[in-house]
Amino acid sequence: VPWTERFLSQEYRNVVLAQGLRTPEEYLRCARRGR
């Protein structure tokens, strides 16, 4: 993938875990606030 470990860690922490996303569908629809 073209992303660094830091970018992935921030995406997971600040989007997925921040919003409590559970499925790929939820991630596709979410607003990535702060990114």
PDB file of all heavy atoms in Angstrom:
ATOM      1  N   VAL A   1       0.857  -1.187   0.000  1.00  0.00           N
ATOM      2  CA  VAL A   1       0.000   0.000   0.000  1.00  0.00           C
ATOM      3  C   VAL A   1       0.891   1.233   0.000  1.00  0.00           C
ATOM      4  O   VAL A   1       2.043   1.184   0.457  1.00  0.00           O
ATOM      5  CB  VAL A   1      -0.937   0.027   1.230  1.00  0.00           C
ATOM      6  CG1 VAL A   1      -1.980  -1.084   1.149  1.00  0.00           C
ATOM      7  CG2 VAL A   1      -0.135  -0.087   2.518  1.00  0.00           C
ATOM      8  N   PRO A   2       0.382   2.363  -0.476  1.00  0.00           N
ATOM      9  CA  PRO A   2       1.206   3.576  -0.570  1.00  0.00           C
ATOM     10  C   PRO A   2       1.220   4.417   0.695  1.00  0.00           C
ATOM     11  O   PRO A   2       1.595   5.581   0.653  1.00  0.00           O
ATOM     12  CB  PRO A   2       0.530   4.334  -1.719  1.00  0.00           C
ATOM     13  CG  PRO A   2      -0.911   3.971  -1.606  1.00  0.00           C
ATOM     14  CD  PRO A   2      -0.931   2.538  -1.143  1.00  0.00           C
ATOM     15  N   TRP A   3       0.814   3.839   1.821  1.00  0.00           N
ATOM     16  CA  TRP A   3       0.709   4.622   3.044  1.00  0.00           C
ATOM     17  C   TRP A   3       1.746   4.167   4.068  1.00  0.00           C
ATOM     18  O   TRP A   3       2.090   2.983   4.153  1.00  0.00           O
ATOM     19  CB  TRP A   3      -0.695   4.485   3.645  1.00  0.00           C
ATOM     20  CG  TRP A   3      -1.771   4.927   2.696  1.00  0.00           C
ATOM     21  CD1 TRP A   3      -2.025   6.188   2.265  1.00  0.00           C
ATOM     22  CD2 TRP A   3      -2.711   4.076   2.037  1.00  0.00           C
ATOM     23  NE1 TRP A   3      -3.080   6.198   1.396  1.00  0.00           N
ATOM     24  CE2 TRP A   3      -3.534   4.920   1.225  1.00  0.00           C
ATOM     25  CE3 TRP A   3      -2.967   2.703   2.041  1.00  0.00           C
ATOM     26  CZ2 TRP A   3      -4.566   4.428   0.440  1.00  0.00           C
ATOM     27  CZ3 TRP A   3      -3.996   2.209   1.266  1.00  0.00           C
ATOM     28  CH2 TRP A   3      -4.780   3.057   0.468  1.00  0.00           C
ATOM     29  N   THR A   4       2.194   5.086   4.890  1.00  0.00           N
ATOM     30  CA  THR A   4       3.161   4.760   5.937  1.00  0.00           C
ATOM     31  C   THR A   4       2.458   4.135   7.138  1.00  0.00           C
ATOM     32  O   THR A   4       1.233   4.225   7.293  1.00  0.00           O
ATOM     33  CB  THR A   4       3.893   6.029   6.408  1.00  0.00           C
ATOM     34  OG1 THR A   4       2.936   6.905   7.034  1.00  0.00           O
ATOM     35  CG2 THR A   4       4.550   6.753   5.242  1.00  0.00           C
ATOM     36  N   GLU A   5       3.272   3.508   7.987  1.00  0.00           N
ATOM     37  CA  GLU A   5       2.706   2.938   9.216  1.00  0.00           C
ATOM     38  C   GLU A   5       2.048   4.028  10.064  1.00  0.00           C
ATOM     39  O   GLU A   5       1.005   3.792  10.684  1.00  0.00           O
ATOM     40  CB  GLU A   5       3.806   2.245  10.035  1.00  0.00           C
ATOM     41  CG  GLU A   5       4.310   0.940   9.440  1.00  0.00           C
ATOM     42  CD  GLU A   5       5.487   1.158   8.503  1.00  0.00           C
ATOM     43  OE1 GLU A   5       5.707   2.325   8.093  1.00  0.00           O
ATOM     44  OE2 GLU A   5       6.176   0.176   8.184  1.00  0.00           O
ATOM     45  N   ARG A   6       2.645   5.218  10.086  1.00  0.00           N
ATOM     46  CA  ARG A   6       2.076   6.310  10.879  1.00  0.00           C
ATOM     47  C   ARG A   6       0.711   6.726  10.339  1.00  0.00           C
ATOM     48  O   ARG A   6      -0.221   6.937  11.107  1.00  0.00           O
ATOM     49  CB  ARG A   6       3.035   7.509  10.876  1.00  0.00           C
ATOM     50  CG  ARG A   6       2.521   8.709  11.661  1.00  0.00           C
ATOM     51  CD  ARG A   6       3.582   9.801  11.764  1.00  0.00           C
ATOM     52  NE  ARG A   6       3.043  11.010  12.351  1.00  0.00           N
ATOM     53  CZ  ARG A   6       2.881  11.197  13.661  1.00  0.00           C
ATOM     54  NH1 ARG A   6       3.229  10.245  14.498  1.00  0.00           N
ATOM     55  NH2 ARG A   6       2.392  12.326  14.129  1.00  0.00           N
ATOM     56  N   PHE A   7       0.600   6.842   9.026  1.00  0.00           N
ATOM     57  CA  PHE A   7      -0.687   7.213   8.434  1.00  0.00           C
ATOM     58  C   PHE A   7      -1.748   6.166   8.774  1.00  0.00           C
ATOM     59  O   PHE A   7      -2.881   6.503   9.151  1.00  0.00           O
ATOM     60  CB  PHE A   7      -0.551   7.340   6.915  1.00  0.00           C
ATOM     61  CG  PHE A   7      -1.849   7.642   6.218  1.00  0.00           C
ATOM     62  CD1 PHE A   7      -2.261   8.955   6.029  1.00  0.00           C
ATOM     63  CD2 PHE A   7      -2.679   6.619   5.770  1.00  0.00           C
ATOM     64  CE1 PHE A   7      -3.469   9.242   5.397  1.00  0.00           C
ATOM     65  CE2 PHE A   7      -3.887   6.890   5.144  1.00  0.00           C
ATOM     66  CZ  PHE A   7      -4.283   8.204   4.956  1.00  0.00           C
ATOM     67  N   LEU A   8      -1.404   4.890   8.642  1.00  0.00           N
ATOM     68  CA  LEU A   8      -2.356   3.819   8.933  1.00  0.00           C
ATOM     69  C   LEU A   8      -2.773   3.825  10.404  1.00  0.00           C
ATOM     70  O   LEU A   8      -3.948   3.646  10.734  1.00  0.00           O
ATOM     71  CB  LEU A   8      -1.733   2.470   8.573  1.00  0.00           C
ATOM     72  CG  LEU A   8      -1.526   2.217   7.069  1.00  0.00           C
ATOM     73  CD1 LEU A   8      -0.583   1.051   6.846  1.00  0.00           C
ATOM     74  CD2 LEU A   8      -2.872   1.955   6.396  1.00  0.00           C
ATOM     75  N   SER A   9      -1.795   4.033  11.280  1.00  0.00           N
ATOM     76  CA  SER A   9      -2.104   4.072  12.708  1.00  0.00           C
ATOM     77  C   SER A   9      -3.061   5.212  13.033  1.00  0.00           C
ATOM     78  O   SER A   9      -4.021   5.038  13.790  1.00  0.00           O
ATOM     79  CB  SER A   9      -0.804   4.235  13.505  1.00  0.00           C
ATOM     80  OG  SER A   9      -1.072   4.412  14.881  1.00  0.00           O
ATOM     81  N   GLN A  10      -2.814   6.389  12.450  1.00  0.00           N
ATOM     82  CA  GLN A  10      -3.698   7.531  12.696  1.00  0.00           C
ATOM     83  C   GLN A  10      -5.088   7.301  12.110  1.00  0.00           C
ATOM     84  O   GLN A  10      -6.096   7.669  12.715  1.00  0.00           O
ATOM     85  CB  GLN A  10      -3.073   8.800  12.108  1.00  0.00           C
ATOM     86  CG  GLN A  10      -1.837   9.281  12.852  1.00  0.00           C
ATOM     87  CD  GLN A  10      -1.155  10.438  12.151  1.00  0.00           C
ATOM     88  OE1 GLN A  10      -1.273  10.601  10.944  1.00  0.00           O
ATOM     89  NE2 GLN A  10      -0.432  11.243  12.921  1.00  0.00           N
ATOM     90  N   GLU A  11      -5.146   6.707  10.927  1.00  0.00           N
ATOM     91  CA  GLU A  11      -6.451   6.437  10.301  1.00  0.00           C
ATOM     92  C   GLU A  11      -7.267   5.474  11.165  1.00  0.00           C
ATOM     93  O   GLU A  11      -8.465   5.673  11.378  1.00  0.00           O
ATOM     94  CB  GLU A  11      -6.236   5.845   8.907  1.00  0.00           C
ATOM     95  CG  GLU A  11      -7.513   5.633   8.106  1.00  0.00           C
ATOM     96  CD  GLU A  11      -8.063   6.918   7.521  1.00  0.00           C
ATOM     97  OE1 GLU A  11      -7.390   7.971   7.616  1.00  0.00           O
ATOM     98  OE2 GLU A  11      -9.181   6.873   6.969  1.00  0.00           O
ATOM     99  N   TYR A  12      -6.614   4.445  11.661  1.00  0.00           N
ATOM    100  CA  TYR A  12      -7.303   3.452  12.490  1.00  0.00           C
ATOM    101  C   TYR A  12      -7.756   4.063  13.815  1.00  0.00           C
ATOM    102  O   TYR A  12      -8.899   3.872  14.246  1.00  0.00           O
ATOM    103  CB  TYR A  12      -6.361   2.273  12.743  1.00  0.00           C
ATOM    104  CG  TYR A  12      -6.995   1.109  13.470  1.00  0.00           C
ATOM    105  CD1 TYR A  12      -8.141   0.494  12.986  1.00  0.00           C
ATOM    106  CD2 TYR A  12      -6.429   0.622  14.638  1.00  0.00           C
ATOM    107  CE1 TYR A  12      -8.712  -0.591  13.647  1.00  0.00           C
ATOM    108  CE2 TYR A  12      -6.981  -0.462  15.313  1.00  0.00           C
ATOM    109  CZ  TYR A  12      -8.126  -1.054  14.814  1.00  0.00           C
ATOM    110  OH  TYR A  12      -8.701  -2.116  15.479  1.00  0.00           O
ATOM    111  N   ARG A  13      -6.854   4.828  14.427  1.00  0.00           N
ATOM    112  CA  ARG A  13      -7.179   5.406  15.738  1.00  0.00           C
ATOM    113  C   ARG A  13      -8.170   6.543  15.632  1.00  0.00           C
ATOM    114  O   ARG A  13      -9.129   6.623  16.413  1.00  0.00           O
ATOM    115  CB  ARG A  13      -5.885   5.910  16.403  1.00  0.00           C
ATOM    116  CG  ARG A  13      -6.058   6.452  17.804  1.00  0.00           C
ATOM    117  CD  ARG A  13      -4.716   6.919  18.372  1.00  0.00           C
ATOM    118  NE  ARG A  13      -4.842   7.281  19.773  1.00  0.00           N
ATOM    119  CZ  ARG A  13      -5.215   8.473  20.212  1.00  0.00           C
ATOM    120  NH1 ARG A  13      -5.519   9.437  19.334  1.00  0.00           N
ATOM    121  NH2 ARG A  13      -5.304   8.726  21.506  1.00  0.00           N
ATOM    122  N   ASN A  14      -7.959   7.465  14.671  1.00  0.00           N
ATOM    123  CA  ASN A  14      -8.729   8.708  14.630  1.00  0.00           C
ATOM    124  C   ASN A  14      -9.996   8.627  13.793  1.00  0.00           C
ATOM    125  O   ASN A  14     -10.799   9.566  13.819  1.00  0.00           O
ATOM    126  CB  ASN A  14      -7.849   9.850  14.111  1.00  0.00           C
ATOM    127  CG  ASN A  14      -6.694  10.153  15.039  1.00  0.00           C
ATOM    128  OD1 ASN A  14      -6.718   9.797  16.213  1.00  0.00           O
ATOM    129  ND2 ASN A  14      -5.658  10.785  14.518  1.00  0.00           N
ATOM    130  N   VAL A  15     -10.172   7.551  13.058  1.00  0.00           N
ATOM    131  CA  VAL A  15     -11.400   7.392  12.273  1.00  0.00           C
ATOM    132  C   VAL A  15     -12.155   6.140  12.709  1.00  0.00           C
ATOM    133  O   VAL A  15     -13.288   6.211  13.186  1.00  0.00           O
ATOM    134  CB  VAL A  15     -11.101   7.340  10.755  1.00  0.00           C
ATOM    135  CG1 VAL A  15     -12.402   7.132   9.962  1.00  0.00           C
ATOM    136  CG2 VAL A  15     -10.406   8.614  10.304  1.00  0.00           C
ATOM    137  N   VAL A  16     -11.526   4.972  12.553  1.00  0.00           N
ATOM    138  CA  VAL A  16     -12.224   3.710  12.824  1.00  0.00           C
ATOM    139  C   VAL A  16     -12.571   3.560  14.304  1.00  0.00           C
ATOM    140  O   VAL A  16     -13.732   3.379  14.679  1.00  0.00           O
ATOM    141  CB  VAL A  16     -11.374   2.517  12.334  1.00  0.00           C
ATOM    142  CG1 VAL A  16     -12.048   1.195  12.712  1.00  0.00           C
ATOM    143  CG2 VAL A  16     -11.180   2.595  10.828  1.00  0.00           C
ATOM    144  N   LEU A  17     -11.552   3.649  15.173  1.00  0.00           N
ATOM    145  CA  LEU A  17     -11.822   3.496  16.606  1.00  0.00           C
ATOM    146  C   LEU A  17     -12.534   4.717  17.177  1.00  0.00           C
ATOM    147  O   LEU A  17     -13.345   4.590  18.101  1.00  0.00           O
ATOM    148  CB  LEU A  17     -10.517   3.244  17.359  1.00  0.00           C
ATOM    149  CG  LEU A  17      -9.819   1.913  17.059  1.00  0.00           C
ATOM    150  CD1 LEU A  17      -8.510   1.807  17.827  1.00  0.00           C
ATOM    151  CD2 LEU A  17     -10.733   0.732  17.394  1.00  0.00           C
ATOM    152  N   ALA A  18     -12.231   5.906  16.646  1.00  0.00           N
ATOM    153  CA  ALA A  18     -12.892   7.114  17.148  1.00  0.00           C
ATOM    154  C   ALA A  18     -14.391   7.053  16.925  1.00  0.00           C
ATOM    155  O   ALA A  18     -15.180   7.494  17.767  1.00  0.00           O
ATOM    156  CB  ALA A  18     -12.301   8.350  16.474  1.00  0.00           C
ATOM    157  N   GLN A  19     -14.816   6.509  15.787  1.00  0.00           N
ATOM    158  CA  GLN A  19     -16.249   6.439  15.472  1.00  0.00           C
ATOM    159  C   GLN A  19     -16.857   5.077  15.801  1.00  0.00           C
ATOM    160  O   GLN A  19     -18.055   4.876  15.610  1.00  0.00           O
ATOM    161  CB  GLN A  19     -16.470   6.772  13.995  1.00  0.00           C
ATOM    162  CG  GLN A  19     -16.017   8.183  13.627  1.00  0.00           C
ATOM    163  CD  GLN A  19     -16.320   8.540  12.188  1.00  0.00           C
ATOM    164  OE1 GLN A  19     -17.384   8.204  11.659  1.00  0.00           O
ATOM    165  NE2 GLN A  19     -15.388   9.231  11.542  1.00  0.00           N
ATOM    166  N   GLY A  20     -16.033   4.141  16.263  1.00  0.00           N
ATOM    167  CA  GLY A  20     -16.551   2.820  16.613  1.00  0.00           C
ATOM    168  C   GLY A  20     -17.059   2.058  15.411  1.00  0.00           C
ATOM    169  O   GLY A  20     -18.064   1.334  15.501  1.00  0.00           O
ATOM    170  N   LEU A  21     -16.368   2.176  14.280  1.00  0.00           N
ATOM    171  CA  LEU A  21     -16.809   1.523  13.048  1.00  0.00           C
ATOM    172  C   LEU A  21     -16.567   0.017  13.142  1.00  0.00           C
ATOM    173  O   LEU A  21     -15.529  -0.431  13.630  1.00  0.00           O
ATOM    174  CB  LEU A  21     -16.059   2.105  11.853  1.00  0.00           C
ATOM    175  CG  LEU A  21     -16.158   3.640  11.692  1.00  0.00           C
ATOM    176  CD1 LEU A  21     -15.353   4.095  10.486  1.00  0.00           C
ATOM    177  CD2 LEU A  21     -17.608   4.078  11.570  1.00  0.00           C
ATOM    178  N   ARG A  22     -17.516  -0.771  12.632  1.00  0.00           N
ATOM    179  CA  ARG A  22     -17.441  -2.224  12.759  1.00  0.00           C
ATOM    180  C   ARG A  22     -17.298  -2.940  11.414  1.00  0.00           C
ATOM    181  O   ARG A  22     -16.801  -4.062  11.365  1.00  0.00           O
ATOM    182  CB  ARG A  22     -18.703  -2.763  13.452  1.00  0.00           C
ATOM    183  CG  ARG A  22     -18.963  -2.148  14.817  1.00  0.00           C
ATOM    184  CD  ARG A  22     -18.044  -2.740  15.868  1.00  0.00           C
ATOM    185  NE  ARG A  22     -18.277  -2.136  17.172  1.00  0.00           N
ATOM    186  CZ  ARG A  22     -17.498  -1.211  17.715  1.00  0.00           C
ATOM    187  NH1 ARG A  22     -16.421  -0.798  17.063  1.00  0.00           N
ATOM    188  NH2 ARG A  22     -17.759  -0.701  18.896  1.00  0.00           N
ATOM    189  N   THR A  23     -17.749  -2.348  10.331  1.00  0.00           N
ATOM    190  CA  THR A  23     -17.785  -3.038   9.040  1.00  0.00           C
ATOM    191  C   THR A  23     -17.155  -2.171   7.954  1.00  0.00           C
ATOM    192  O   THR A  23     -17.073  -0.949   8.093  1.00  0.00           O
ATOM    193  CB  THR A  23     -19.239  -3.346   8.627  1.00  0.00           C
ATOM    194  OG1 THR A  23     -19.921  -2.103   8.363  1.00  0.00           O
ATOM    195  CG2 THR A  23     -19.966  -4.118   9.728  1.00  0.00           C
ATOM    196  N   PRO A  24     -16.728  -2.796   6.855  1.00  0.00           N
ATOM    197  CA  PRO A  24     -16.180  -1.995   5.745  1.00  0.00           C
ATOM    198  C   PRO A  24     -17.220  -1.050   5.164  1.00  0.00           C
ATOM    199  O   PRO A  24     -16.863   0.025   4.672  1.00  0.00           O
ATOM    200  CB  PRO A  24     -15.729  -3.057   4.731  1.00  0.00           C
ATOM    201  CG  PRO A  24     -16.444  -4.310   5.106  1.00  0.00           C
ATOM    202  CD  PRO A  24     -16.636  -4.246   6.583  1.00  0.00           C
ATOM    203  N   GLU A  25     -18.497  -1.420   5.226  1.00  0.00           N
ATOM    204  CA  GLU A  25     -19.548  -0.545   4.717  1.00  0.00           C
ATOM    205  C   GLU A  25     -19.639   0.737   5.542  1.00  0.00           C
ATOM    206  O   GLU A  25     -19.814   1.835   4.989  1.00  0.00           O
ATOM    207  CB  GLU A  25     -20.892  -1.274   4.711  1.00  0.00           C
ATOM    208  CG  GLU A  25     -21.010  -2.405   3.701  1.00  0.00           C
ATOM    209  CD  GLU A  25     -20.255  -3.654   4.138  1.00  0.00           C
ATOM    210  OE1 GLU A  25     -19.995  -3.806   5.356  1.00  0.00           O
ATOM    211  OE2 GLU A  25     -19.911  -4.467   3.258  1.00  0.00           O
ATOM    212  N   GLU A  26     -19.522   0.599   6.859  1.00  0.00           N
ATOM    213  CA  GLU A  26     -19.547   1.788   7.718  1.00  0.00           C
ATOM    214  C   GLU A  26     -18.348   2.695   7.415  1.00  0.00           C
ATOM    215  O   GLU A  26     -18.476   3.926   7.395  1.00  0.00           O
ATOM    216  CB  GLU A  26     -19.529   1.371   9.191  1.00  0.00           C
ATOM    217  CG  GLU A  26     -20.823   0.743   9.677  1.00  0.00           C
ATOM    218  CD  GLU A  26     -20.740   0.304  11.132  1.00  0.00           C
ATOM    219  OE1 GLU A  26     -19.609   0.069  11.625  1.00  0.00           O
ATOM    220  OE2 GLU A  26     -21.800   0.200  11.775  1.00  0.00           O
ATOM    221  N   TYR A  27     -17.198   2.085   7.172  1.00  0.00           N
ATOM    222  CA  TYR A  27     -16.003   2.877   6.865  1.00  0.00           C
ATOM    223  C   TYR A  27     -16.142   3.591   5.522  1.00  0.00           C
ATOM    224  O   TYR A  27     -15.723   4.744   5.375  1.00  0.00           O
ATOM    225  CB  TYR A  27     -14.776   1.968   6.870  1.00  0.00           C
ATOM    226  CG  TYR A  27     -13.476   2.685   6.577  1.00  0.00           C
ATOM    227  CD1 TYR A  27     -13.053   3.750   7.361  1.00  0.00           C
ATOM    228  CD2 TYR A  27     -12.678   2.298   5.500  1.00  0.00           C
ATOM    229  CE1 TYR A  27     -11.861   4.412   7.092  1.00  0.00           C
ATOM    230  CE2 TYR A  27     -11.477   2.949   5.224  1.00  0.00           C
ATOM    231  CZ  TYR A  27     -11.084   4.013   6.017  1.00  0.00           C
ATOM    232  OH  TYR A  27      -9.901   4.665   5.748  1.00  0.00           O
ATOM    233  N   LEU A  28     -16.772   2.948   4.543  1.00  0.00           N
ATOM    234  CA  LEU A  28     -16.967   3.569   3.234  1.00  0.00           C
ATOM    235  C   LEU A  28     -17.876   4.787   3.321  1.00  0.00           C
ATOM    236  O   LEU A  28     -17.716   5.752   2.582  1.00  0.00           O
ATOM    237  CB  LEU A  28     -17.555   2.548   2.250  1.00  0.00           C
ATOM    238  CG  LEU A  28     -16.596   1.474   1.725  1.00  0.00           C
ATOM    239  CD1 LEU A  28     -17.352   0.435   0.916  1.00  0.00           C
ATOM    240  CD2 LEU A  28     -15.495   2.101   0.885  1.00  0.00           C
ATOM    241  N   ARG A  29     -18.850   4.741   4.249  1.00  0.00           N
ATOM    242  CA  ARG A  29     -19.831   5.821   4.348  1.00  0.00           C
ATOM    243  C   ARG A  29     -19.409   6.933   5.297  1.00  0.00           C
ATOM    244  O   ARG A  29     -19.995   8.015   5.280  1.00  0.00           O
ATOM    245  CB  ARG A  29     -21.187   5.263   4.822  1.00  0.00           C
ATOM    246  CG  ARG A  29     -21.867   4.319   3.856  1.00  0.00           C
ATOM    247  CD  ARG A  29     -23.318   4.100   4.287  1.00  0.00           C
ATOM    248  NE  ARG A  29     -23.411   3.581   5.641  1.00  0.00           N
ATOM    249  CZ  ARG A  29     -23.474   2.288   5.945  1.00  0.00           C
ATOM    250  NH1 ARG A  29     -23.442   1.379   4.976  1.00  0.00           N
ATOM    251  NH2 ARG A  29     -23.563   1.894   7.197  1.00  0.00           N
ATOM    252  N   CYS A  30     -18.419   6.703   6.154  1.00  0.00           N
ATOM    253  CA  CYS A  30     -18.141   7.638   7.256  1.00  0.00           C
ATOM    254  C   CYS A  30     -17.503   8.928   6.756  1.00  0.00           C
ATOM    255  O   CYS A  30     -16.859   8.969   5.704  1.00  0.00           O
ATOM    256  CB  CYS A  30     -17.239   6.984   8.298  1.00  0.00           C
ATOM    257  SG  CYS A  30     -15.488   6.920   7.843  1.00  0.00           S
ATOM    258  N   ALA A  31     -17.680   9.984   7.536  1.00  0.00           N
ATOM    259  CA  ALA A  31     -16.973  11.243   7.308  1.00  0.00           C
ATOM    260  C   ALA A  31     -15.668  11.194   8.094  1.00  0.00           C
ATOM    261  O   ALA A  31     -15.677  10.990   9.309  1.00  0.00           O
ATOM    262  CB  ALA A  31     -17.826  12.418   7.775  1.00  0.00           C
ATOM    263  N   ARG A  32     -14.560  11.350   7.422  1.00  0.00           N
ATOM    264  CA  ARG A  32     -13.238  11.229   8.061  1.00  0.00           C
ATOM    265  C   ARG A  32     -12.834  12.561   8.680  1.00  0.00           C
ATOM    266  O   ARG A  32     -11.886  13.209   8.256  1.00  0.00           O
ATOM    267  CB  ARG A  32     -12.210  10.738   7.053  1.00  0.00           C
ATOM    268  CG  ARG A  32     -12.511   9.371   6.486  1.00  0.00           C
ATOM    269  CD  ARG A  32     -11.652   9.006   5.282  1.00  0.00           C
ATOM    270  NE  ARG A  32     -10.237   8.999   5.582  1.00  0.00           N
ATOM    271  CZ  ARG A  32      -9.373   9.899   5.111  1.00  0.00           C
ATOM    272  NH1 ARG A  32      -9.813  10.910   4.357  1.00  0.00           N
ATOM    273  NH2 ARG A  32      -8.083   9.827   5.415  1.00  0.00           N
ATOM    274  N   ARG A  33     -13.565  12.972   9.723  1.00  0.00           N
ATOM    275  CA  ARG A  33     -13.292  14.261  10.367  1.00  0.00           C
ATOM    276  C   ARG A  33     -11.868  14.299  10.925  1.00  0.00           C
ATOM    277  O   ARG A  33     -11.405  13.349  11.542  1.00  0.00           O
ATOM    278  CB  ARG A  33     -14.294  14.511  11.497  1.00  0.00           C
ATOM    279  CG  ARG A  33     -15.698  14.824  11.017  1.00  0.00           C
ATOM    280  CD  ARG A  33     -16.564  15.291  12.187  1.00  0.00           C
ATOM    281  NE  ARG A  33     -16.746  14.244  13.169  1.00  0.00           N
ATOM    282  CZ  ARG A  33     -17.743  13.348  13.132  1.00  0.00           C
ATOM    283  NH1 ARG A  33     -18.612  13.378  12.140  1.00  0.00           N
ATOM    284  NH2 ARG A  33     -17.855  12.442  14.059  1.00  0.00           N
ATOM    285  N   GLY A  34     -11.207  15.443  10.693  1.00  0.00           N
ATOM    286  CA  GLY A  34      -9.856  15.615  11.194  1.00  0.00           C
ATOM    287  C   GLY A  34      -8.769  15.059  10.298  1.00  0.00           C
ATOM    288  O   GLY A  34      -7.583  15.175  10.612  1.00  0.00           O
ATOM    289  N   ARG A  35      -9.132  14.458   9.181  1.00  0.00           N
ATOM    290  CA  ARG A  35      -8.149  13.913   8.249  1.00  0.00           C
ATOM    291  C   ARG A  35      -8.139  14.774   6.991  1.00  0.00           C
ATOM    292  O   ARG A  35      -9.196  15.060   6.415  1.00  0.00           O
ATOM    293  CB  ARG A  35      -8.488  12.467   7.883  1.00  0.00           C
ATOM    294  CG  ARG A  35      -8.623  11.550   9.086  1.00  0.00           C
ATOM    295  CD  ARG A  35      -7.294  11.297   9.749  1.00  0.00           C
ATOM    296  NE  ARG A  35      -6.508  10.314   9.015  1.00  0.00           N
ATOM    297  CZ  ARG A  35      -5.199  10.166   9.146  1.00  0.00           C
ATOM    298  NH1 ARG A  35      -4.522  10.976   9.958  1.00  0.00           N
ATOM    299  NH2 ARG A  35      -4.557   9.245   8.465  1.00  0.00           N
TER     300      ARG A  35
END
